């Protein structure tokens, strides 16, 4: 009779190691260290919980369990997601102390095999905070997704995101900027000014939204972590 291996049993040969602990200058440096190391081991991580100036909890992106939703139109996506999630317990924690970030291991083991194709992980296609900032600046400069992606890949040759991922981030940025500008936009109003000693009534035109570089993008982008 053929012996069947327990799917939750990880052999020493396939064991995925946690990232080396250490101290980092910034939160972004710590996140990059964990993400880059996880790629070499065959797993990907995402931010599970964080307080930007105090701590960040980083978990395997196969952690958690599938929760059934009521929308029938999402059945295919739900089945694909549920097949990926294994409730993996892997977690590491970064904490800020005296302006430095220290990485520690909360649970260093996984309950699944290494991924054969790391690009299949949704978290691998997320952008870092620095990459989102680059997308924001190039969007304000009128650059197209393909142009932005080229710059990002020059900076990070291991990037697996494509033009569609860049487009989605650009769309979120535009939506936030337009929302902020609409909230700040004054309604049409009239004012009286003095021109060469004579009073004149001037009607101000509605404020035209201008693309600016100051809005922030929510993190999630849960990646590769959000």
Protein backbone atom coordinates (compact mmCIF):
# COMPACT_ATOMS: atom_id res chain seq x y z
CA UNK A 1 0.00 0.00 0.00
CA UNK A 2 1.37 3.41 -0.99
CA UNK A 3 2.11 5.68 1.95
CA UNK A 4 0.30 9.01 1.82
CA UNK A 5 2.16 11.99 3.23
CA UNK A 6 0.34 14.32 5.58
CA UNK A 7 -0.05 17.61 3.65
CA UNK A 8 0.80 19.56 6.81
CA UNK A 9 4.06 17.68 7.32
CA UNK A 10 7.02 19.69 6.10
CA UNK A 11 10.26 17.80 5.52
CA UNK A 12 13.62 19.27 6.45
CA UNK A 13 14.49 19.47 2.76
CA UNK A 14 11.46 21.65 2.02
CA UNK A 15 11.54 23.62 5.24
CA UNK A 16 11.18 27.35 4.70
CA UNK A 17 13.34 29.44 7.01
CA UNK A 18 12.26 32.68 8.70
CA UNK A 19 14.22 35.84 7.88
CA UNK A 20 17.30 36.57 10.02
CA UNK A 21 16.46 38.89 12.90
CA UNK A 22 18.16 42.25 13.11
CA UNK A 23 17.89 45.99 13.63
CA UNK A 24 16.94 48.36 10.80
CA UNK A 25 17.07 52.09 10.26
CA UNK A 26 13.50 52.36 8.92
CA UNK A 27 10.25 50.43 8.77
CA UNK A 28 10.60 50.17 5.01
CA UNK A 29 14.08 48.64 5.36
CA UNK A 30 12.67 45.99 7.69
CA UNK A 31 9.78 45.18 5.35
CA UNK A 32 12.10 44.91 2.36
CA UNK A 33 14.41 42.57 4.29
CA UNK A 34 11.53 40.22 5.16
CA UNK A 35 10.03 40.30 1.65
CA UNK A 36 13.33 39.72 -0.13
CA UNK A 37 14.26 36.81 2.13
CA UNK A 38 10.84 35.19 1.83
CA UNK A 39 11.23 35.11 -1.95
CA UNK A 40 14.39 33.01 -1.60
CA UNK A 41 12.49 30.49 0.55
CA UNK A 42 9.40 30.02 -1.61
CA UNK A 43 6.80 31.94 0.39
CA UNK A 44 5.41 35.46 0.41
CA UNK A 45 4.34 37.73 3.22
CA UNK A 46 1.88 40.54 3.80
CA UNK A 47 1.22 43.04 6.57
CA UNK A 48 -1.28 41.60 9.02
CA UNK A 49 -1.43 44.48 11.48
CA UNK A 50 0.51 47.68 12.04
CA UNK A 51 0.83 51.04 13.69
CA UNK A 52 3.12 52.98 11.39
CA UNK A 53 5.21 54.58 14.13
CA UNK A 54 5.25 51.68 16.62
CA UNK A 55 5.05 48.15 15.23
CA UNK A 56 4.23 45.96 12.24
CA UNK A 57 3.10 42.32 12.22
CA UNK A 58 4.06 40.43 9.07
CA UNK A 59 2.42 37.09 8.24
CA UNK A 60 2.57 34.45 5.52
CA UNK A 61 0.12 35.35 2.78
CA UNK A 62 -1.38 31.87 3.08
CA UNK A 63 -2.43 32.55 6.65
CA UNK A 64 -6.08 32.80 7.60
CA UNK A 65 -9.06 30.73 6.51
CA UNK A 66 -11.67 31.17 3.81
CA UNK A 67 -14.92 32.84 4.87
CA UNK A 68 -17.88 32.29 2.59
CA UNK A 69 -19.51 35.42 1.20
CA UNK A 70 -23.03 35.91 -0.10
CA UNK A 71 -22.19 37.42 -3.50
CA UNK A 72 -22.62 34.61 -6.01
CA UNK A 73 -20.71 36.48 -8.71
CA UNK A 74 -17.48 36.04 -6.75
CA UNK A 75 -17.64 32.24 -6.54
CA UNK A 76 -14.70 31.62 -8.87
CA UNK A 77 -12.43 34.09 -7.08
CA UNK A 78 -13.50 32.71 -3.69
CA UNK A 79 -12.71 29.13 -4.68
CA UNK A 80 -9.26 30.16 -5.88
CA UNK A 81 -8.59 32.06 -2.66
CA UNK A 82 -9.86 29.26 -0.44
CA UNK A 83 -7.53 26.79 -2.16
CA UNK A 84 -4.55 29.01 -1.28
CA UNK A 85 -5.29 29.70 2.38
CA UNK A 86 -3.96 27.11 4.82
CA UNK A 87 -4.23 29.06 8.09
CA UNK A 88 -0.42 29.22 8.09
CA UNK A 89 0.82 30.37 11.52
CA UNK A 90 4.03 32.05 10.30
CA UNK A 91 4.46 35.55 11.79
CA UNK A 92 7.30 37.96 12.44
CA UNK A 93 7.09 41.30 14.26
CA UNK A 94 8.91 44.59 13.80
CA UNK A 95 8.94 47.08 16.68
CA UNK A 96 10.28 50.61 16.84
CA UNK A 97 12.53 51.52 19.75
CA UNK A 98 14.78 54.58 19.98
CA UNK A 99 14.18 55.40 16.29
CA UNK A 100 15.31 51.92 15.18
CA UNK A 101 13.20 48.95 14.06
CA UNK A 102 13.91 45.52 15.56
CA UNK A 103 12.73 42.30 13.88
CA UNK A 104 11.75 39.29 16.00
CA UNK A 105 10.21 35.91 15.14
CA UNK A 106 6.79 35.16 16.64
CA UNK A 107 6.21 31.86 14.82
CA UNK A 108 8.84 30.79 12.31
CA UNK A 109 7.26 27.68 10.75
CA UNK A 110 4.79 27.15 7.90
CA UNK A 111 2.17 24.42 7.41
CA UNK A 112 2.49 24.16 3.61
CA UNK A 113 5.06 23.41 0.94
CA UNK A 114 7.14 26.13 -0.77
CA UNK A 115 5.49 27.72 -3.79
CA UNK A 116 6.76 26.56 -7.18
CA UNK A 117 5.88 29.87 -8.82
CA UNK A 118 6.11 32.81 -6.44
CA UNK A 119 4.46 35.14 -9.00
CA UNK A 120 1.14 33.36 -8.33
CA UNK A 121 0.94 35.08 -4.95
CA UNK A 122 -1.29 38.19 -4.99
CA UNK A 123 0.90 39.81 -2.32
CA UNK A 124 3.90 39.53 -4.63
CA UNK A 125 2.24 42.00 -6.99
CA UNK A 126 1.77 44.66 -4.34
CA UNK A 127 4.01 47.70 -4.27
CA UNK A 128 6.17 48.98 -1.43
CA UNK A 129 5.55 52.42 0.07
CA UNK A 130 8.53 53.76 -1.88
CA UNK A 131 7.18 52.30 -5.13
CA UNK A 132 3.74 53.82 -4.50
CA UNK A 133 5.43 57.20 -4.00
CA UNK A 134 7.21 56.80 -7.36
CA UNK A 135 3.89 55.89 -9.02
CA UNK A 136 2.29 58.98 -7.46
CA UNK A 137 5.03 61.32 -8.66
CA UNK A 138 5.11 59.88 -12.18
CA UNK A 139 1.30 59.97 -12.36
CA UNK A 140 1.40 63.68 -11.51
CA UNK A 141 3.96 64.09 -14.31
CA UNK A 142 1.55 62.46 -16.78
CA UNK A 143 3.48 59.22 -17.30
CA UNK A 144 1.72 56.09 -18.60
CA UNK A 145 1.59 52.79 -16.65
CA UNK A 146 4.09 51.15 -19.02
CA UNK A 147 6.57 54.00 -18.50
CA UNK A 148 6.14 53.81 -14.73
CA UNK A 149 6.56 50.04 -14.72
CA UNK A 150 9.82 50.34 -16.67
CA UNK A 151 11.27 52.66 -14.02
CA UNK A 152 10.08 50.41 -11.18
CA UNK A 153 11.68 47.34 -12.76
CA UNK A 154 14.94 49.20 -13.28
CA UNK A 155 15.00 49.84 -9.55
CA UNK A 156 13.78 46.36 -8.62
CA UNK A 157 14.54 43.66 -11.24
CA UNK A 158 12.62 41.08 -9.15
CA UNK A 159 9.35 42.99 -9.44
CA UNK A 160 6.60 40.75 -10.83
CA UNK A 161 3.85 43.39 -11.07
CA UNK A 162 2.55 44.31 -14.52
CA UNK A 163 1.07 47.41 -16.15
CA UNK A 164 -2.42 46.55 -14.91
CA UNK A 165 -1.20 46.61 -11.30
CA UNK A 166 0.31 50.05 -11.92
CA UNK A 167 -2.92 51.23 -13.56
CA UNK A 168 -4.94 50.13 -10.52
CA UNK A 169 -2.71 52.13 -8.17
CA UNK A 170 -2.92 55.17 -10.47
CA UNK A 171 -6.72 54.91 -10.43
CA UNK A 172 -6.78 54.85 -6.62
CA UNK A 173 -4.49 57.87 -6.45
CA UNK A 174 -6.64 59.86 -8.88
CA UNK A 175 -9.80 58.94 -6.99
CA UNK A 176 -8.33 60.11 -3.68
CA UNK A 177 -7.03 63.36 -5.17
CA UNK A 178 -10.36 64.18 -6.84
CA UNK A 179 -12.22 63.34 -3.65
CA UNK A 180 -9.97 65.62 -1.59
CA UNK A 181 -10.20 68.46 -4.10
CA UNK A 182 -14.00 68.21 -4.35
CA UNK A 183 -14.26 68.48 -0.57
CA UNK A 184 -12.06 71.58 -0.58
CA UNK A 185 -13.59 73.15 -3.72
CA UNK A 186 -15.52 76.38 -2.96
CA UNK A 187 -18.90 76.92 -4.59
CA UNK A 188 -19.44 79.66 -7.15
CA UNK A 189 -19.49 83.00 -5.34
CA UNK A 190 -19.65 86.71 -6.11
CA UNK A 191 -17.26 89.38 -4.89
CA UNK A 192 -17.03 93.15 -5.34
CA UNK A 193 -13.65 94.66 -6.19
CA UNK A 194 -12.48 98.20 -6.93
CA UNK A 195 -11.04 98.74 -10.40
CA UNK A 196 -9.64 102.25 -11.09
CA UNK A 197 -11.89 103.68 -8.43
CA UNK A 198 -15.06 102.04 -9.74
CA UNK A 199 -16.83 99.16 -8.06
CA UNK A 200 -17.30 96.04 -10.15
CA UNK A 201 -19.06 92.79 -9.40
CA UNK A 202 -17.09 89.64 -10.25
CA UNK A 203 -18.42 86.11 -10.19
CA UNK A 204 -15.79 83.53 -9.31
CA UNK A 205 -15.74 80.41 -11.46
CA UNK A 206 -15.97 77.01 -9.78
CA UNK A 207 -12.63 75.67 -8.60
CA UNK A 208 -11.00 73.34 -11.13
CA UNK A 209 -9.43 70.26 -9.50
CA UNK A 210 -5.67 70.20 -9.91
CA UNK A 211 -3.64 66.99 -9.61
CA UNK A 212 -1.32 67.43 -6.67
CA UNK A 213 1.27 65.28 -4.93
CA UNK A 214 0.06 65.46 -1.38
CA UNK A 215 -2.61 62.78 -0.86
CA UNK A 216 -1.76 59.53 0.85
CA UNK A 217 -2.48 55.98 -0.35
CA UNK A 218 -3.87 53.41 2.13
CA UNK A 219 -1.45 50.60 2.91
CA UNK A 220 -3.17 46.85 2.01
CA UNK A 221 -1.53 47.55 -0.55
CA UNK A 222 -1.95 44.10 2.21
CA UNK A 223 1.88 43.79 0.69
CA UNK A 224 5.07 41.99 -1.48
CA UNK A 225 4.01 43.23 1.68
CA UNK A 226 0.22 45.35 1.44
